[in-house]
């Protein structure tokens, strides 16, 4: 659990920076910053899942793609 939380730290940082830009300058960038953070987090998640699946790259790519897609869809719904 700790490894997943650390992997998504870039998402939190980018979303916070985006929120600051949104509140300070009126830019609607919070979602774009959050999506960038999700994309930065996918590689560590793939590495974690690869270790958890016994070095099965295909399974770890499938799981991380599904989870990343769900997160990006969530961000898209927030932006509507």
N, C-alpha and C. Protein backbone atom coordinates (compact mmCIF):
# COMPACT_ATOMS: atom_id res chain seq x y z
N UNK A 1 0.82 -1.18 0.00
CA UNK A 1 0.00 0.00 0.00
C UNK A 1 0.87 1.25 0.00
N UNK A 2 1.93 1.22 0.77
CA UNK A 2 2.82 2.37 0.85
C UNK A 2 3.46 2.67 -0.50
N UNK A 3 3.80 1.63 -1.25
CA UNK A 3 4.43 1.82 -2.56
C UNK A 3 3.47 2.51 -3.52
N UNK A 4 2.19 2.13 -3.50
CA UNK A 4 1.21 2.78 -4.37
C UNK A 4 1.03 4.25 -3.99
N UNK A 5 1.00 4.51 -2.68
CA UNK A 5 0.87 5.90 -2.23
C UNK A 5 2.06 6.74 -2.68
N UNK A 6 3.25 6.18 -2.57
CA UNK A 6 4.43 6.91 -3.02
C UNK A 6 4.43 7.10 -4.53
N UNK A 7 3.88 6.13 -5.26
CA UNK A 7 3.84 6.25 -6.71
C UNK A 7 2.91 7.37 -7.15
N UNK A 8 1.85 7.61 -6.39
CA UNK A 8 0.90 8.66 -6.76
C UNK A 8 1.20 10.01 -6.12
N UNK A 9 2.36 10.14 -5.45
CA UNK A 9 2.77 11.42 -4.91
C UNK A 9 2.91 12.48 -6.00
N UNK A 10 3.45 12.17 -7.19
CA UNK A 10 3.51 13.19 -8.24
C UNK A 10 2.12 13.71 -8.63
N UNK A 11 1.12 12.86 -8.59
CA UNK A 11 -0.24 13.30 -8.91
C UNK A 11 -0.69 14.35 -7.91
N UNK A 12 -0.45 14.10 -6.64
CA UNK A 12 -0.83 15.05 -5.60
C UNK A 12 -0.08 16.36 -5.75
N UNK A 13 1.20 16.28 -6.04
CA UNK A 13 2.00 17.50 -6.19
C UNK A 13 1.53 18.31 -7.40
N UNK A 14 1.35 17.65 -8.53
CA UNK A 14 0.91 18.36 -9.73
C UNK A 14 -0.49 18.94 -9.55
N UNK A 15 -1.38 18.20 -8.91
CA UNK A 15 -2.74 18.71 -8.69
C UNK A 15 -2.73 19.92 -7.76
N UNK A 16 -1.88 19.89 -6.74
CA UNK A 16 -1.77 21.03 -5.82
C UNK A 16 -1.22 22.25 -6.54
N UNK A 17 -0.20 22.06 -7.35
CA UNK A 17 0.36 23.18 -8.12
C UNK A 17 -0.69 23.72 -9.08
N UNK A 18 -1.43 22.84 -9.71
CA UNK A 18 -2.50 23.28 -10.61
C UNK A 18 -3.57 24.07 -9.89
N UNK A 19 -3.92 23.62 -8.68
CA UNK A 19 -4.91 24.34 -7.89
C UNK A 19 -4.41 25.72 -7.50
N UNK A 20 -3.14 25.82 -7.15
CA UNK A 20 -2.55 27.12 -6.82
C UNK A 20 -2.61 28.05 -8.03
N UNK A 21 -2.24 27.53 -9.21
CA UNK A 21 -2.32 28.35 -10.42
C UNK A 21 -3.76 28.76 -10.72
N UNK A 22 -4.68 27.86 -10.45
CA UNK A 22 -6.09 28.17 -10.70
C UNK A 22 -6.58 29.27 -9.77
N UNK A 23 -6.26 29.16 -8.50
CA UNK A 23 -6.73 30.16 -7.53
C UNK A 23 -5.99 31.48 -7.65
N UNK A 24 -4.68 31.44 -7.90
CA UNK A 24 -3.88 32.67 -7.95
C UNK A 24 -4.02 33.42 -9.26
N UNK A 25 -4.03 32.70 -10.37
CA UNK A 25 -4.01 33.37 -11.68
C UNK A 25 -5.30 33.17 -12.47
N UNK A 26 -6.21 32.35 -11.96
CA UNK A 26 -7.45 32.11 -12.69
C UNK A 26 -7.29 31.16 -13.86
N UNK A 27 -6.16 30.45 -13.92
CA UNK A 27 -5.94 29.50 -15.02
C UNK A 27 -6.69 28.22 -14.71
N UNK A 28 -7.32 27.65 -15.69
CA UNK A 28 -8.01 26.37 -15.52
C UNK A 28 -7.06 25.22 -15.84
N UNK A 29 -6.04 25.11 -15.02
CA UNK A 29 -4.98 24.13 -15.29
C UNK A 29 -4.92 23.01 -14.26
N UNK A 30 -5.76 23.04 -13.25
CA UNK A 30 -5.66 22.04 -12.20
C UNK A 30 -5.82 20.63 -12.76
N UNK A 31 -6.71 20.45 -13.70
CA UNK A 31 -6.94 19.12 -14.27
C UNK A 31 -5.75 18.71 -15.14
N UNK A 32 -5.23 19.65 -15.92
CA UNK A 32 -4.07 19.33 -16.77
C UNK A 32 -2.86 18.95 -15.91
N UNK A 33 -2.66 19.67 -14.81
CA UNK A 33 -1.56 19.32 -13.92
C UNK A 33 -1.79 17.95 -13.29
N UNK A 34 -3.03 17.66 -12.91
CA UNK A 34 -3.34 16.36 -12.30
C UNK A 34 -3.13 15.22 -13.27
N UNK A 35 -3.51 15.40 -14.52
CA UNK A 35 -3.32 14.35 -15.53
C UNK A 35 -1.83 14.11 -15.74
N UNK A 36 -1.04 15.18 -15.76
CA UNK A 36 0.41 15.03 -15.89
C UNK A 36 0.96 14.21 -14.74
N UNK A 37 0.46 14.47 -13.54
CA UNK A 37 0.89 13.71 -12.37
C UNK A 37 0.54 12.23 -12.49
N UNK A 38 -0.65 11.94 -13.02
CA UNK A 38 -1.05 10.54 -13.20
C UNK A 38 -0.10 9.86 -14.18
N UNK A 39 0.21 10.53 -15.27
CA UNK A 39 1.11 9.94 -16.26
C UNK A 39 2.50 9.71 -15.68
N UNK A 40 2.98 10.62 -14.82
CA UNK A 40 4.27 10.44 -14.17
C UNK A 40 4.22 9.26 -13.20
N UNK A 41 3.04 8.99 -12.62
CA UNK A 41 2.92 7.93 -11.62
C UNK A 41 2.82 6.54 -12.24
N UNK A 42 2.48 6.44 -13.52
CA UNK A 42 2.24 5.12 -14.11
C UNK A 42 3.49 4.24 -14.15
N UNK A 43 4.65 4.80 -14.41
CA UNK A 43 5.86 3.96 -14.48
C UNK A 43 6.19 3.32 -13.13
N UNK A 44 6.17 4.06 -12.01
CA UNK A 44 6.40 3.38 -10.73
C UNK A 44 5.33 2.33 -10.41
N UNK A 45 4.09 2.60 -10.82
CA UNK A 45 3.02 1.63 -10.58
C UNK A 45 3.27 0.36 -11.38
N UNK A 46 3.72 0.50 -12.62
CA UNK A 46 4.05 -0.67 -13.43
C UNK A 46 5.15 -1.49 -12.75
N UNK A 47 6.17 -0.81 -12.22
CA UNK A 47 7.26 -1.51 -11.54
C UNK A 47 6.76 -2.23 -10.29
N UNK A 48 5.88 -1.59 -9.54
CA UNK A 48 5.33 -2.22 -8.33
C UNK A 48 4.50 -3.44 -8.71
N UNK A 49 3.62 -3.27 -9.70
CA UNK A 49 2.77 -4.38 -10.12
C UNK A 49 3.57 -5.52 -10.73
N UNK A 50 4.65 -5.18 -11.41
CA UNK A 50 5.49 -6.22 -12.00
C UNK A 50 6.09 -7.09 -10.91
N UNK A 51 6.50 -6.46 -9.83
CA UNK A 51 7.04 -7.22 -8.71
C UNK A 51 5.95 -8.05 -8.04
N UNK A 52 4.75 -7.49 -7.93
CA UNK A 52 3.65 -8.19 -7.28
C UNK A 52 3.12 -9.35 -8.11
N UNK A 53 3.24 -9.27 -9.44
CA UNK A 53 2.73 -10.33 -10.31
C UNK A 53 3.81 -11.35 -10.67
N UNK A 54 4.93 -11.30 -10.01
CA UNK A 54 5.99 -12.28 -10.28
C UNK A 54 6.69 -12.03 -11.59
N UNK A 55 7.00 -10.79 -11.87
CA UNK A 55 7.73 -10.36 -13.08
C UNK A 55 6.94 -10.62 -14.37
N UNK A 56 5.63 -10.67 -14.30
CA UNK A 56 4.80 -10.84 -15.50
C UNK A 56 4.48 -9.45 -16.03
N UNK A 57 5.23 -9.02 -17.04
CA UNK A 57 5.09 -7.67 -17.57
C UNK A 57 3.71 -7.44 -18.19
N UNK A 58 3.19 -8.41 -18.91
CA UNK A 58 1.89 -8.26 -19.56
C UNK A 58 0.78 -8.01 -18.55
N UNK A 59 0.79 -8.77 -17.46
CA UNK A 59 -0.24 -8.60 -16.43
C UNK A 59 -0.11 -7.24 -15.75
N UNK A 60 1.12 -6.85 -15.45
CA UNK A 60 1.31 -5.56 -14.78
C UNK A 60 0.95 -4.39 -15.70
N UNK A 61 1.23 -4.50 -16.99
CA UNK A 61 0.83 -3.45 -17.93
C UNK A 61 -0.69 -3.35 -18.04
N UNK A 62 -1.34 -4.51 -18.07
CA UNK A 62 -2.81 -4.51 -18.18
C UNK A 62 -3.45 -3.89 -16.94
N UNK A 63 -2.98 -4.27 -15.77
CA UNK A 63 -3.56 -3.74 -14.53
C UNK A 63 -3.29 -2.24 -14.41
N UNK A 64 -2.05 -1.81 -14.68
CA UNK A 64 -1.73 -0.39 -14.56
C UNK A 64 -2.46 0.44 -15.61
N UNK A 65 -2.66 -0.11 -16.81
CA UNK A 65 -3.41 0.60 -17.83
C UNK A 65 -4.87 0.77 -17.41
N UNK A 66 -5.44 -0.28 -16.85
CA UNK A 66 -6.82 -0.20 -16.37
C UNK A 66 -6.95 0.83 -15.25
N UNK A 67 -6.08 0.75 -14.26
CA UNK A 67 -6.14 1.69 -13.13
C UNK A 67 -5.85 3.12 -13.58
N UNK A 68 -4.86 3.30 -14.43
CA UNK A 68 -4.56 4.64 -14.94
C UNK A 68 -5.71 5.20 -15.76
N UNK A 69 -6.35 4.34 -16.56
CA UNK A 69 -7.51 4.78 -17.34
C UNK A 69 -8.66 5.21 -16.45
N UNK A 70 -8.89 4.46 -15.37
CA UNK A 70 -9.95 4.83 -14.44
C UNK A 70 -9.66 6.18 -13.78
N UNK A 71 -8.42 6.40 -13.42
CA UNK A 71 -8.06 7.68 -12.81
C UNK A 71 -8.21 8.81 -13.79
N UNK A 72 -7.77 8.62 -15.03
CA UNK A 72 -7.91 9.67 -16.04
C UNK A 72 -9.39 9.94 -16.34
N UNK A 73 -10.21 8.91 -16.36
CA UNK A 73 -11.66 9.12 -16.57
C UNK A 73 -12.25 9.91 -15.40
N UNK A 74 -11.78 9.62 -14.20
CA UNK A 74 -12.21 10.39 -13.03
C UNK A 74 -11.85 11.85 -13.15
N UNK A 75 -10.64 12.12 -13.61
CA UNK A 75 -10.22 13.52 -13.82
C UNK A 75 -11.08 14.18 -14.89
N UNK A 76 -11.41 13.42 -15.92
CA UNK A 76 -12.26 13.98 -16.99
C UNK A 76 -13.64 14.34 -16.46
N UNK A 77 -14.18 13.50 -15.59
CA UNK A 77 -15.49 13.79 -15.00
C UNK A 77 -15.43 15.02 -14.09
N UNK A 78 -14.32 15.20 -13.41
CA UNK A 78 -14.14 16.38 -12.56
C UNK A 78 -14.12 17.65 -13.40
N UNK A 79 -13.57 17.53 -14.61
CA UNK A 79 -13.42 18.69 -15.47
C UNK A 79 -14.69 19.11 -16.20
N UNK A 80 -15.72 18.27 -16.14
CA UNK A 80 -16.95 18.60 -16.88
C UNK A 80 -17.72 19.66 -16.17
